[in-house]
PDB file of N, CA and C in Angstrom:
ATOM      1  N   MET A   1      92.083 189.151  29.688  1.00  0.00           N
ATOM      2  CA  MET A   1      92.105 188.929  31.114  1.00  0.00           C
ATOM      3  C   MET A   1      92.114 187.430  31.364  1.00  0.00           C
ATOM      4  N   THR A   2      92.918 187.004  32.342  1.00  0.00           N
ATOM      5  CA  THR A   2      92.963 185.588  32.689  1.00  0.00           C
ATOM      6  C   THR A   2      92.534 185.413  34.133  1.00  0.00           C
ATOM      7  N   VAL A   3      92.051 184.237  34.415  1.00  0.00           N
ATOM      8  CA  VAL A   3      91.623 183.906  35.773  1.00  0.00           C
ATOM      9  C   VAL A   3      92.504 182.775  36.268  1.00  0.00           C
ATOM     10  N   GLU A   4      93.071 182.958  37.447  1.00  0.00           N
ATOM     11  CA  GLU A   4      93.872 181.904  38.046  1.00  0.00           C
ATOM     12  C   GLU A   4      93.086 181.303  39.195  1.00  0.00           C
ATOM     13  N   THR A   5      93.191 179.998  39.316  1.00  0.00           N
ATOM     14  CA  THR A   5      92.501 179.288  40.388  1.00  0.00           C
ATOM     15  C   THR A   5      93.520 178.866  41.432  1.00  0.00           C
ATOM     16  N   PHE A   6      93.233 179.168  42.668  1.00  0.00           N
ATOM     17  CA  PHE A   6      94.104 178.748  43.758  1.00  0.00           C
ATOM     18  C   PHE A   6      93.781 177.309  44.107  1.00  0.00           C
ATOM     19  N   VAL A   7      94.799 176.463  44.029  1.00  0.00           N
ATOM     20  CA  VAL A   7      94.638 175.058  44.414  1.00  0.00           C
ATOM     21  C   VAL A   7      95.557 174.827  45.603  1.00  0.00           C
ATOM     22  N   PRO A   8      94.981 174.559  46.791  1.00  0.00           N
ATOM     23  CA  PRO A   8      95.831 174.370  47.956  1.00  0.00           C
ATOM     24  C   PRO A   8      96.728 173.148  47.781  1.00  0.00           C
ATOM     25  N   SER A   9      97.917 173.236  48.352  1.00  0.00           N
ATOM     26  CA  SER A   9      98.865 172.131  48.251  1.00  0.00           C
ATOM     27  C   SER A   9      98.357 170.920  49.016  1.00  0.00           C
ATOM     28  N   THR A  10      98.524 169.769  48.414  1.00  0.00           N
ATOM     29  CA  THR A  10      98.135 168.537  49.101  1.00  0.00           C
ATOM     30  C   THR A  10      99.370 167.744  49.487  1.00  0.00           C
ATOM     31  N   SER A  11     100.519 168.349  49.332  1.00  0.00           N
ATOM     32  CA  SER A  11     101.766 167.685  49.646  1.00  0.00           C
ATOM     33  C   SER A  11     101.885 167.470  51.144  1.00  0.00           C
ATOM     34  N   VAL A  12     102.315 166.295  51.521  1.00  0.00           N
ATOM     35  CA  VAL A  12     102.564 166.068  52.940  1.00  0.00           C
ATOM     36  C   VAL A  12     103.908 166.689  53.292  1.00  0.00           C
ATOM     37  N   VAL A  13     104.970 166.237  52.656  1.00  0.00           N
ATOM     38  CA  VAL A  13     106.282 166.842  52.859  1.00  0.00           C
ATOM     39  C   VAL A  13     106.990 166.986  51.511  1.00  0.00           C
ATOM     40  N   THR A  14     107.897 167.949  51.465  1.00  0.00           N
ATOM     41  CA  THR A  14     108.786 168.112  50.323  1.00  0.00           C
ATOM     42  C   THR A  14     110.210 168.130  50.860  1.00  0.00           C
ATOM     43  N   LEU A  15     111.159 167.866  49.996  1.00  0.00           N
ATOM     44  CA  LEU A  15     112.558 167.894  50.373  1.00  0.00           C
ATOM     45  C   LEU A  15     113.299 168.850  49.450  1.00  0.00           C
ATOM     46  N   THR A  16     114.222 169.616  50.009  1.00  0.00           N
ATOM     47  CA  THR A  16     115.064 170.471  49.190  1.00  0.00           C
ATOM     48  C   THR A  16     116.044 169.586  48.427  1.00  0.00           C
ATOM     49  N   ASP A  17     116.666 170.156  47.398  1.00  0.00           N
ATOM     50  CA  ASP A  17     117.680 169.409  46.650  1.00  0.00           C
ATOM     51  C   ASP A  17     118.801 168.941  47.568  1.00  0.00           C
ATOM     52  N   SER A  18     119.174 169.782  48.506  1.00  0.00           N
ATOM     53  CA  SER A  18     120.234 169.435  49.449  1.00  0.00           C
ATOM     54  C   SER A  18     119.844 168.228  50.301  1.00  0.00           C
ATOM     55  N   ALA A  19     118.605 168.186  50.768  1.00  0.00           N
ATOM     56  CA  ALA A  19     118.136 167.056  51.580  1.00  0.00           C
ATOM     57  C   ALA A  19     118.067 165.782  50.738  1.00  0.00           C
ATOM     58  N   ILE A  20     117.596 165.902  49.509  1.00  0.00           N
ATOM     59  CA  ILE A  20     117.521 164.730  48.636  1.00  0.00           C
ATOM     60  C   ILE A  20     118.921 164.151  48.422  1.00  0.00           C
ATOM     61  N   LYS A  21     119.885 165.003  48.107  1.00  0.00           N
ATOM     62  CA  LYS A  21     121.257 164.538  47.890  1.00  0.00           C
ATOM     63  C   LYS A  21     121.817 163.878  49.146  1.00  0.00           C
ATOM     64  N   HIS A  22     121.560 164.474  50.296  1.00  0.00           N
ATOM     65  CA  HIS A  22     122.041 163.918  51.566  1.00  0.00           C
ATOM     66  C   HIS A  22     121.482 162.515  51.794  1.00  0.00           C
ATOM     67  N   PHE A  23     120.166 162.357  51.652  1.00  0.00           N
ATOM     68  CA  PHE A  23     119.556 161.060  51.909  1.00  0.00           C
ATOM     69  C   PHE A  23     119.921 160.029  50.839  1.00  0.00           C
ATOM     70  N   GLU A  24     120.028 160.462  49.590  1.00  0.00           N
ATOM     71  CA  GLU A  24     120.453 159.535  48.539  1.00  0.00           C
ATOM     72  C   GLU A  24     121.850 158.993  48.842  1.00  0.00           C
ATOM     73  N   LYS A  25     122.725 159.873  49.303  1.00  0.00           N
ATOM     74  CA  LYS A  25     124.092 159.439  49.649  1.00  0.00           C
ATOM     75  C   LYS A  25     124.060 158.458  50.821  1.00  0.00           C
ATOM     76  N   LYS A  26     123.261 158.759  51.834  1.00  0.00           N
ATOM     77  CA  LYS A  26     123.151 157.878  53.008  1.00  0.00           C
ATOM     78  C   LYS A  26     122.626 156.492  52.638  1.00  0.00           C
ATOM     79  N   LEU A  27     121.718 156.451  51.667  1.00  0.00           N
ATOM     80  CA  LEU A  27     121.094 155.178  51.296  1.00  0.00           C
ATOM     81  C   LEU A  27     121.761 154.497  50.105  1.00  0.00           C
ATOM     82  N   SER A  28     122.814 155.096  49.544  1.00  0.00           N
ATOM     83  CA  SER A  28     123.420 154.553  48.326  1.00  0.00           C
ATOM     84  C   SER A  28     123.945 153.129  48.509  1.00  0.00           C
ATOM     85  N   SER A  29     124.373 152.777  49.701  1.00  0.00           N
ATOM     86  CA  SER A  29     124.867 151.419  49.937  1.00  0.00           C
ATOM     87  C   SER A  29     123.776 150.485  50.480  1.00  0.00           C
ATOM     88  N   GLN A  30     122.538 150.986  50.527  1.00  0.00           N
ATOM     89  CA  GLN A  30     121.424 150.191  51.063  1.00  0.00           C
ATOM     90  C   GLN A  30     120.239 150.232  50.095  1.00  0.00           C
ATOM     91  N   PRO A  31     120.391 149.638  48.904  1.00  0.00           N
ATOM     92  CA  PRO A  31     119.316 149.710  47.916  1.00  0.00           C
ATOM     93  C   PRO A  31     118.002 149.138  48.455  1.00  0.00           C
ATOM     94  N   GLY A  32     116.911 149.807  48.077  1.00  0.00           N
ATOM     95  CA  GLY A  32     115.592 149.343  48.490  1.00  0.00           C
ATOM     96  C   GLY A  32     115.096 149.956  49.782  1.00  0.00           C
ATOM     97  N   LYS A  33     115.990 150.560  50.558  1.00  0.00           N
ATOM     98  CA  LYS A  33     115.549 151.187  51.807  1.00  0.00           C
ATOM     99  C   LYS A  33     114.928 152.543  51.513  1.00  0.00           C
ATOM    100  N   CYS A  34     114.152 153.030  52.477  1.00  0.00           N
ATOM    101  CA  CYS A  34     113.509 154.332  52.338  1.00  0.00           C
ATOM    102  C   CYS A  34     113.715 155.144  53.609  1.00  0.00           C
ATOM    103  N   ILE A  35     113.351 156.407  53.538  1.00  0.00           N
ATOM    104  CA  ILE A  35     113.339 157.289  54.700  1.00  0.00           C
ATOM    105  C   ILE A  35     111.921 157.242  55.256  1.00  0.00           C
ATOM    106  N   ARG A  36     111.783 157.085  56.572  1.00  0.00           N
ATOM    107  CA  ARG A  36     110.450 157.086  57.193  1.00  0.00           C
ATOM    108  C   ARG A  36     110.400 158.200  58.222  1.00  0.00           C
ATOM    109  N   LEU A  37     109.418 159.079  58.062  1.00  0.00           N
ATOM    110  CA  LEU A  37     109.232 160.220  58.947  1.00  0.00           C
ATOM    111  C   LEU A  37     107.981 160.005  59.774  1.00  0.00           C
ATOM    112  N   SER A  38     108.133 160.154  61.080  1.00  0.00           N
ATOM    113  CA  SER A  38     106.990 160.045  61.984  1.00  0.00           C
ATOM    114  C   SER A  38     107.182 161.063  63.100  1.00  0.00           C
ATOM    115  N   THR A  39     106.283 161.054  64.057  1.00  0.00           N
ATOM    116  CA  THR A  39     106.402 161.927  65.219  1.00  0.00           C
ATOM    117  C   THR A  39     106.176 161.088  66.468  1.00  0.00           C
ATOM    118  N   LYS A  40     106.597 161.627  67.598  1.00  0.00           N
ATOM    119  CA  LYS A  40     106.326 160.984  68.878  1.00  0.00           C
ATOM    120  C   LYS A  40     106.041 162.069  69.897  1.00  0.00           C
ATOM    121  N   LEU A  41     105.304 161.698  70.932  1.00  0.00           N
ATOM    122  CA  LEU A  41     105.082 162.627  72.032  1.00  0.00           C
ATOM    123  C   LEU A  41     106.403 162.814  72.753  1.00  0.00           C
ATOM    124  N   SER A  42     106.785 164.079  72.946  1.00  0.00           N
ATOM    125  CA  SER A  42     108.096 164.328  73.533  1.00  0.00           C
ATOM    126  C   SER A  42     108.212 165.757  74.022  1.00  0.00           C
ATOM    127  N   GLY A  43     109.118 165.958  74.948  1.00  0.00           N
ATOM    128  CA  GLY A  43     109.484 167.300  75.390  1.00  0.00           C
ATOM    129  C   GLY A  43     108.372 168.029  76.104  1.00  0.00           C
ATOM    130  N   CYS A  44     108.603 169.300  76.295  1.00  0.00           N
ATOM    131  CA  CYS A  44     107.655 170.116  77.048  1.00  0.00           C
ATOM    132  C   CYS A  44     106.564 170.712  76.170  1.00  0.00           C
ATOM    133  N   THR A  45     106.722 170.635  74.846  1.00  0.00           N
ATOM    134  CA  THR A  45     105.758 171.275  73.968  1.00  0.00           C
ATOM    135  C   THR A  45     104.790 170.303  73.311  1.00  0.00           C
ATOM    136  N   GLY A  46     105.176 169.060  73.108  1.00  0.00           N
ATOM    137  CA  GLY A  46     104.224 168.115  72.543  1.00  0.00           C
ATOM    138  C   GLY A  46     104.787 167.020  71.680  1.00  0.00           C
ATOM    139  N   TYR A  47     105.382 167.356  70.526  1.00  0.00           N
ATOM    140  CA  TYR A  47     105.815 166.353  69.563  1.00  0.00           C
ATOM    141  C   TYR A  47     107.272 166.541  69.175  1.00  0.00           C
ATOM    142  N   ALA A  48     107.893 165.451  68.748  1.00  0.00           N
ATOM    143  CA  ALA A  48     109.242 165.497  68.196  1.00  0.00           C
ATOM    144  C   ALA A  48     109.234 164.747  66.869  1.00  0.00           C
ATOM    145  N   TYR A  49     110.094 165.172  65.951  1.00  0.00           N
ATOM    146  CA  TYR A  49     110.240 164.487  64.671  1.00  0.00           C
ATOM    147  C   TYR A  49     111.067 163.220  64.873  1.00  0.00           C
ATOM    148  N   VAL A  50     110.691 162.162  64.159  1.00  0.00           N
ATOM    149  CA  VAL A  50     111.456 160.913  64.175  1.00  0.00           C
ATOM    150  C   VAL A  50     111.755 160.558  62.727  1.00  0.00           C
ATOM    151  N   LEU A  51     113.033 160.489  62.402  1.00  0.00           N
ATOM    152  CA  LEU A  51     113.475 160.197  61.045  1.00  0.00           C
ATOM    153  C   LEU A  51     114.309 158.926  61.089  1.00  0.00           C
ATOM    154  N   ASP A  52     113.861 157.897  60.354  1.00  0.00           N
ATOM    155  CA  ASP A  52     114.534 156.603  60.367  1.00  0.00           C
ATOM    156  C   ASP A  52     114.792 156.119  58.950  1.00  0.00           C
ATOM    157  N   PHE A  53     115.757 155.219  58.810  1.00  0.00           N
ATOM    158  CA  PHE A  53     115.916 154.454  57.589  1.00  0.00           C
ATOM    159  C   PHE A  53     115.098 153.188  57.780  1.00  0.00           C
ATOM    160  N   ALA A  54     114.290 152.833  56.800  1.00  0.00           N
ATOM    161  CA  ALA A  54     113.400 151.674  56.933  1.00  0.00           C
ATOM    162  C   ALA A  54     113.553 150.759  55.726  1.00  0.00           C
ATOM    163  N   ASP A  55     113.276 149.474  55.952  1.00  0.00           N
ATOM    164  CA  ASP A  55     113.317 148.507  54.852  1.00  0.00           C
ATOM    165  C   ASP A  55     112.179 148.739  53.871  1.00  0.00           C
ATOM    166  N   ALA A  56     111.045 149.209  54.405  1.00  0.00           N
ATOM    167  CA  ALA A  56     109.872 149.448  53.560  1.00  0.00           C
ATOM    168  C   ALA A  56     108.893 150.323  54.333  1.00  0.00           C
ATOM    169  N   PRO A  57     108.000 151.005  53.623  1.00  0.00           N
ATOM    170  CA  PRO A  57     106.948 151.757  54.319  1.00  0.00           C
ATOM    171  C   PRO A  57     106.053 150.810  55.112  1.00  0.00           C
ATOM    172  N   GLN A  58     105.417 151.333  56.130  1.00  0.00           N
ATOM    173  CA  GLN A  58     104.452 150.546  56.894  1.00  0.00           C
ATOM    174  C   GLN A  58     103.062 150.759  56.311  1.00  0.00           C
ATOM    175  N   ALA A  59     102.169 149.839  56.620  1.00  0.00           N
ATOM    176  CA  ALA A  59     100.788 149.935  56.145  1.00  0.00           C
ATOM    177  C   ALA A  59     100.203 151.281  56.567  1.00  0.00           C
ATOM    178  N   GLY A  60      99.580 151.979  55.632  1.00  0.00           N
ATOM    179  CA  GLY A  60      98.946 153.260  55.916  1.00  0.00           C
ATOM    180  C   GLY A  60      99.849 154.461  55.721  1.00  0.00           C
ATOM    181  N   ASP A  61     101.150 154.244  55.542  1.00  0.00           N
ATOM    182  CA  ASP A  61     102.076 155.363  55.331  1.00  0.00           C
ATOM    183  C   ASP A  61     101.744 156.096  54.034  1.00  0.00           C
ATOM    184  N   GLU A  62     101.957 157.400  54.046  1.00  0.00           N
ATOM    185  CA  GLU A  62     101.866 158.223  52.838  1.00  0.00           C
ATOM    186  C   GLU A  62     103.221 158.103  52.138  1.00  0.00           C
ATOM    187  N   ILE A  63     103.205 157.710  50.879  1.00  0.00           N
ATOM    188  CA  ILE A  63     104.445 157.472  50.137  1.00  0.00           C
ATOM    189  C   ILE A  63     104.739 158.658  49.220  1.00  0.00           C
ATOM    190  N   ILE A  64     105.971 159.154  49.289  1.00  0.00           N
ATOM    191  CA  ILE A  64     106.393 160.282  48.463  1.00  0.00           C
ATOM    192  C   ILE A  64     107.646 159.870  47.701  1.00  0.00           C
ATOM    193  N   ALA A  65     107.602 159.994  46.388  1.00  0.00           N
ATOM    194  CA  ALA A  65     108.784 159.739  45.559  1.00  0.00           C
ATOM    195  C   ALA A  65     109.544 161.053  45.457  1.00  0.00           C
ATOM    196  N   ALA A  66     110.534 161.241  46.322  1.00  0.00           N
ATOM    197  CA  ALA A  66     111.291 162.486  46.364  1.00  0.00           C
ATOM    198  C   ALA A  66     112.218 162.619  45.167  1.00  0.00           C
ATOM    199  N   SER A  67     112.671 161.489  44.642  1.00  0.00           N
ATOM    200  CA  SER A  67     113.516 161.449  43.448  1.00  0.00           C
ATOM    201  C   SER A  67     113.391 160.041  42.878  1.00  0.00           C
ATOM    202  N   PRO A  68     113.980 159.776  41.725  1.00  0.00           N
ATOM    203  CA  PRO A  68     113.899 158.416  41.180  1.00  0.00           C
ATOM    204  C   PRO A  68     114.511 157.350  42.086  1.00  0.00           C
ATOM    205  N   THR A  69     115.416 157.758  42.986  1.00  0.00           N
ATOM    206  CA  THR A  69     116.064 156.768  43.861  1.00  0.00           C
ATOM    207  C   THR A  69     115.754 156.957  45.345  1.00  0.00           C
ATOM    208  N   LEU A  70     114.898 157.923  45.685  1.00  0.00           N
ATOM    209  CA  LEU A  70     114.611 158.199  47.093  1.00  0.00           C
ATOM    210  C   LEU A  70     113.114 158.208  47.359  1.00  0.00           C
ATOM    211  N   THR A  71     112.706 157.316  48.253  1.00  0.00           N
ATOM    212  CA  THR A  71     111.310 157.251  48.680  1.00  0.00           C
ATOM    213  C   THR A  71     111.221 157.679  50.134  1.00  0.00           C
ATOM    214  N   VAL A  72     110.232 158.514  50.426  1.00  0.00           N
ATOM    215  CA  VAL A  72     109.974 158.955  51.796  1.00  0.00           C
ATOM    216  C   VAL A  72     108.592 158.444  52.186  1.00  0.00           C
ATOM    217  N   ALA A  73     108.523 157.793  53.337  1.00  0.00           N
ATOM    218  CA  ALA A  73     107.251 157.317  53.874  1.00  0.00           C
ATOM    219  C   ALA A  73     106.922 158.164  55.096  1.00  0.00           C
ATOM    220  N   VAL A  74     105.697 158.675  55.148  1.00  0.00           N
ATOM    221  CA  VAL A  74     105.259 159.485  56.288  1.00  0.00           C
ATOM    222  C   VAL A  74     104.212 158.680  57.043  1.00  0.00           C
ATOM    223  N   ALA A  75     104.443 158.482  58.327  1.00  0.00           N
ATOM    224  CA  ALA A  75     103.536 157.697  59.154  1.00  0.00           C
ATOM    225  C   ALA A  75     102.125 158.274  59.095  1.00  0.00           C
ATOM    226  N   GLU A  76     101.157 157.388  58.992  1.00  0.00           N
ATOM    227  CA  GLU A  76      99.759 157.799  58.851  1.00  0.00           C
ATOM    228  C   GLU A  76      99.324 158.741  59.968  1.00  0.00           C
ATOM    229  N   ASP A  77      99.736 158.469  61.206  1.00  0.00           N
ATOM    230  CA  ASP A  77      99.298 159.305  62.326  1.00  0.00           C
ATOM    231  C   ASP A  77     100.052 160.630  62.419  1.00  0.00           C
ATOM    232  N   ALA A  78     101.038 160.842  61.544  1.00  0.00           N
ATOM    233  CA  ALA A  78     101.794 162.098  61.552  1.00  0.00           C
ATOM    234  C   ALA A  78     101.429 163.016  60.389  1.00  0.00           C
ATOM    235  N   VAL A  79     100.627 162.546  59.461  1.00  0.00           N
ATOM    236  CA  VAL A  79     100.334 163.307  58.244  1.00  0.00           C
ATOM    237  C   VAL A  79      99.773 164.692  58.566  1.00  0.00           C
ATOM    238  N   ASP A  80      98.785 164.788  59.434  1.00  0.00           N
ATOM    239  CA  ASP A  80      98.182 166.093  59.731  1.00  0.00           C
ATOM    240  C   ASP A  80      99.158 167.032  60.437  1.00  0.00           C
ATOM    241  N   LEU A  81     100.059 166.494  61.240  1.00  0.00           N
ATOM    242  CA  LEU A  81     101.052 167.324  61.932  1.00  0.00           C
ATOM    243  C   LEU A  81     102.116 167.845  60.975  1.00  0.00           C
ATOM    244  N   LEU A  82     102.373 167.092  59.894  1.00  0.00           N
ATOM    245  CA  LEU A  82     103.492 167.394  59.004  1.00  0.00           C
ATOM    246  C   LEU A  82     103.094 167.980  57.656  1.00  0.00           C
ATOM    247  N   ARG A  83     101.808 168.111  57.396  1.00  0.00           N
ATOM    248  CA  ARG A  83     101.351 168.564  56.079  1.00  0.00           C
ATOM    249  C   ARG A  83     102.047 169.869  55.668  1.00  0.00           C
ATOM    250  N   ASN A  84     102.599 169.873  54.455  1.00  0.00           N
ATOM    251  CA  ASN A  84     103.313 171.014  53.856  1.00  0.00           C
ATOM    252  C   ASN A  84     104.670 171.317  54.494  1.00  0.00           C
ATOM    253  N   THR A  85     105.226 170.371  55.219  1.00  0.00           N
ATOM    254  CA  THR A  85     106.544 170.555  55.811  1.00  0.00           C
ATOM    255  C   THR A  85     107.626 170.383  54.749  1.00  0.00           C
ATOM    256  N   GLU A  86     108.613 171.260  54.792  1.00  0.00           N
ATOM    257  CA  GLU A  86     109.782 171.128  53.929  1.00  0.00           C
ATOM    258  C   GLU A  86     110.939 170.629  54.776  1.00  0.00           C
ATOM    259  N   ILE A  87     111.617 169.598  54.281  1.00  0.00           N
ATOM    260  CA  ILE A  87     112.796 169.059  54.957  1.00  0.00           C
ATOM    261  C   ILE A  87     114.020 169.569  54.207  1.00  0.00           C
ATOM    262  N   ASP A  88     114.961 170.129  54.959  1.00  0.00           N
ATOM    263  CA  ASP A  88     116.169 170.690  54.366  1.00  0.00           C
ATOM    264  C   ASP A  88     117.379 170.083  55.068  1.00  0.00           C
ATOM    265  N   TYR A  89     118.501 170.106  54.385  1.00  0.00           N
ATOM    266  CA  TYR A  89     119.778 169.694  54.966  1.00  0.00           C
ATOM    267  C   TYR A  89     120.726 170.869  54.804  1.00  0.00           C
ATOM    268  N   VAL A  90     121.218 171.386  55.921  1.00  0.00           N
ATOM    269  CA  VAL A  90     122.079 172.570  55.886  1.00  0.00           C
ATOM    270  C   VAL A  90     123.357 172.316  56.684  1.00  0.00           C
ATOM    271  N   MET A  91     124.383 173.037  56.320  1.00  0.00           N
ATOM    272  CA  MET A  91     125.638 172.985  57.069  1.00  0.00           C
ATOM    273  C   MET A  91     125.630 174.122  58.082  1.00  0.00           C
ATOM    274  N   GLU A  92     125.890 173.777  59.326  1.00  0.00           N
ATOM    275  CA  GLU A  92     126.049 174.768  60.389  1.00  0.00           C
ATOM    276  C   GLU A  92     127.459 174.586  60.920  1.00  0.00           C
ATOM    277  N   GLY A  93     128.368 175.438  60.464  1.00  0.00           N
ATOM    278  CA  GLY A  93     129.783 175.238  60.775  1.00  0.00           C
ATOM    279  C   GLY A  93     130.274 174.004  60.036  1.00  0.00           C
ATOM    280  N   VAL A  94     130.772 173.033  60.777  1.00  0.00           N
ATOM    281  CA  VAL A  94     131.254 171.796  60.163  1.00  0.00           C
ATOM    282  C   VAL A  94     130.230 170.665  60.254  1.00  0.00           C
ATOM    283  N   ASN A  95     129.053 170.956  60.825  1.00  0.00           N
ATOM    284  CA  ASN A  95     128.037 169.929  61.033  1.00  0.00           C
ATOM    285  C   ASN A  95     126.889 170.044  60.045  1.00  0.00           C
ATOM    286  N   GLY A  96     126.442 168.911  59.518  1.00  0.00           N
ATOM    287  CA  GLY A  96     125.245 168.873  58.696  1.00  0.00           C
ATOM    288  C   GLY A  96     124.036 168.652  59.587  1.00  0.00           C
ATOM    289  N   VAL A  97     122.971 169.411  59.346  1.00  0.00           N
ATOM    290  CA  VAL A  97     121.787 169.366  60.204  1.00  0.00           C
ATOM    291  C   VAL A  97     120.524 169.246  59.351  1.00  0.00           C
ATOM    292  N   ILE A  98     119.618 168.367  59.759  1.00  0.00           N
ATOM    293  CA  ILE A  98     118.305 168.261  59.134  1.00  0.00           C
ATOM    294  C   ILE A  98     117.420 169.337  59.751  1.00  0.00           C
ATOM    295  N   LYS A  99     116.789 170.141  58.907  1.00  0.00           N
ATOM    296  CA  LYS A  99     115.884 171.201  59.365  1.00  0.00           C
ATOM    297  C   LYS A  99     114.481 170.909  58.847  1.00  0.00           C
ATOM    298  N   TYR A 100     113.499 171.133  59.702  1.00  0.00           N
ATOM    299  CA  TYR A 100     112.096 170.956  59.342  1.00  0.00           C
ATOM    300  C   TYR A 100     111.439 172.323  59.310  1.00  0.00           C
ATOM    301  N   HIS A 101     110.906 172.705  58.167  1.00  0.00           N
ATOM    302  CA  HIS A 101     110.178 173.965  58.034  1.00  0.00           C
ATOM    303  C   HIS A 101     108.698 173.588  57.966  1.00  0.00           C
ATOM    304  N   ASN A 102     108.078 173.560  59.146  1.00  0.00           N
ATOM    305  CA  ASN A 102     106.703 173.080  59.289  1.00  0.00           C
ATOM    306  C   ASN A 102     105.778 174.269  59.541  1.00  0.00           C
ATOM    307  N   PRO A 103     104.920 174.611  58.562  1.00  0.00           N
ATOM    308  CA  PRO A 103     104.043 175.769  58.722  1.00  0.00           C
ATOM    309  C   PRO A 103     102.935 175.558  59.749  1.00  0.00           C
ATOM    310  N   ASN A 104     102.758 174.339  60.220  1.00  0.00           N
ATOM    311  CA  ASN A 104     101.708 174.042  61.196  1.00  0.00           C
ATOM    312  C   ASN A 104     102.137 174.326  62.632  1.00  0.00           C
ATOM    313  N   VAL A 105     103.417 174.516  62.847  1.00  0.00           N
ATOM    314  CA  VAL A 105     103.947 174.711  64.199  1.00  0.00           C
ATOM    315  C   VAL A 105     103.518 176.068  64.742  1.00  0.00           C
ATOM    316  N   VAL A 106     102.949 176.045  65.950  1.00  0.00           N
ATOM    317  CA  VAL A 106     102.548 177.282  66.622  1.00  0.00           C
ATOM    318  C   VAL A 106     103.387 177.553  67.867  1.00  0.00           C
ATOM    319  N   ASP A 107     104.121 176.541  68.323  1.00  0.00           N
ATOM    320  CA  ASP A 107     104.924 176.700  69.531  1.00  0.00           C
ATOM    321  C   ASP A 107     106.055 175.682  69.504  1.00  0.00           C
ATOM    322  N   GLU A 108     107.231 176.118  69.927  1.00  0.00           N
ATOM    323  CA  GLU A 108     108.382 175.237  70.044  1.00  0.00           C
ATOM    324  C   GLU A 108     109.019 175.443  71.414  1.00  0.00           C
ATOM    325  N   CYS A 109     109.627 174.387  71.949  1.00  0.00           N
ATOM    326  CA  CYS A 109     110.314 174.552  73.222  1.00  0.00           C
ATOM    327  C   CYS A 109     111.618 175.305  72.987  1.00  0.00           C
ATOM    328  N   GLY A 110     112.175 175.855  74.017  1.00  0.00           N
ATOM    329  CA  GLY A 110     113.374 176.665  73.908  1.00  0.00           C
ATOM    330  C   GLY A 110     114.581 175.903  73.405  1.00  0.00           C
ATOM    331  N   CYS A 111     114.678 174.607  73.706  1.00  0.00           N
ATOM    332  CA  CYS A 111     115.850 173.837  73.282  1.00  0.00           C
ATOM    333  C   CYS A 111     115.683 173.244  71.897  1.00  0.00           C
ATOM    334  N   GLY A 112     114.518 173.392  71.286  1.00  0.00           N
ATOM    335  CA  GLY A 112     114.302 172.862  69.942  1.00  0.00           C
ATOM    336  C   GLY A 112     113.954 171.392  69.901  1.00  0.00           C
ATOM    337  N   GLU A 113     113.738 170.775  71.039  1.00  0.00           N
ATOM    338  CA  GLU A 113     113.432 169.350  71.129  1.00  0.00           C
ATOM    339  C   GLU A 113     112.026 169.021  70.636  1.00  0.00           C
ATOM    340  N   SER A 114     111.059 169.891  70.916  1.00  0.00           N
ATOM    341  CA  SER A 114     109.679 169.533  70.601  1.00  0.00           C
ATOM    342  C   SER A 114     108.908 170.726  70.018  1.00  0.00           C
ATOM    343  N   PHE A 115     107.740 170.398  69.448  1.00  0.00           N
ATOM    344  CA  PHE A 115     106.905 171.408  68.820  1.00  0.00           C
ATOM    345  C   PHE A 115     105.435 171.074  69.065  1.00  0.00           C
ATOM    346  N   ASN A 116     104.572 172.053  68.812  1.00  0.00           N
ATOM    347  CA  ASN A 116     103.132 171.841  68.918  1.00  0.00           C
ATOM    348  C   ASN A 116     102.481 172.512  67.729  1.00  0.00           C
ATOM    349  N   VAL A 117     101.341 171.988  67.325  1.00  0.00           N
ATOM    350  CA  VAL A 117     100.604 172.530  66.177  1.00  0.00           C
ATOM    351  C   VAL A 117      99.285 173.109  66.640  1.00  0.00           C
ATOM    352  N   GLY A 118      98.736 174.003  65.808  1.00  0.00           N
ATOM    353  CA  GLY A 118      97.487 174.665  66.162  1.00  0.00           C
ATOM    354  C   GLY A 118      96.275 173.886  65.785  1.00  0.00           C
TER     355      GLY A 118
END
């Protein structure tokens, strides 16, 4: 008989292979830059995701090495809102779209602009 121990995930965000490839391609001509994920108050529900290309992480950012060539910085004030979020890149018709699979979300506005956490 074996005993398994449940260890809760401490990951702030993860990226799918598709998202990693997308961001690596976007940053391939800008060595040293990183992806910075934060949130802002927005919309009718509460928060919106903000995804930027940055020269470097800001003080207090949570740093994630998504791949050997891709660094993601998560703003310190967004960590609790984004904990365990998966970032994906999917094709919808002819358009590529960034999708956030955030298990903390309890409510979203109808247009998809904003979200709220419990």
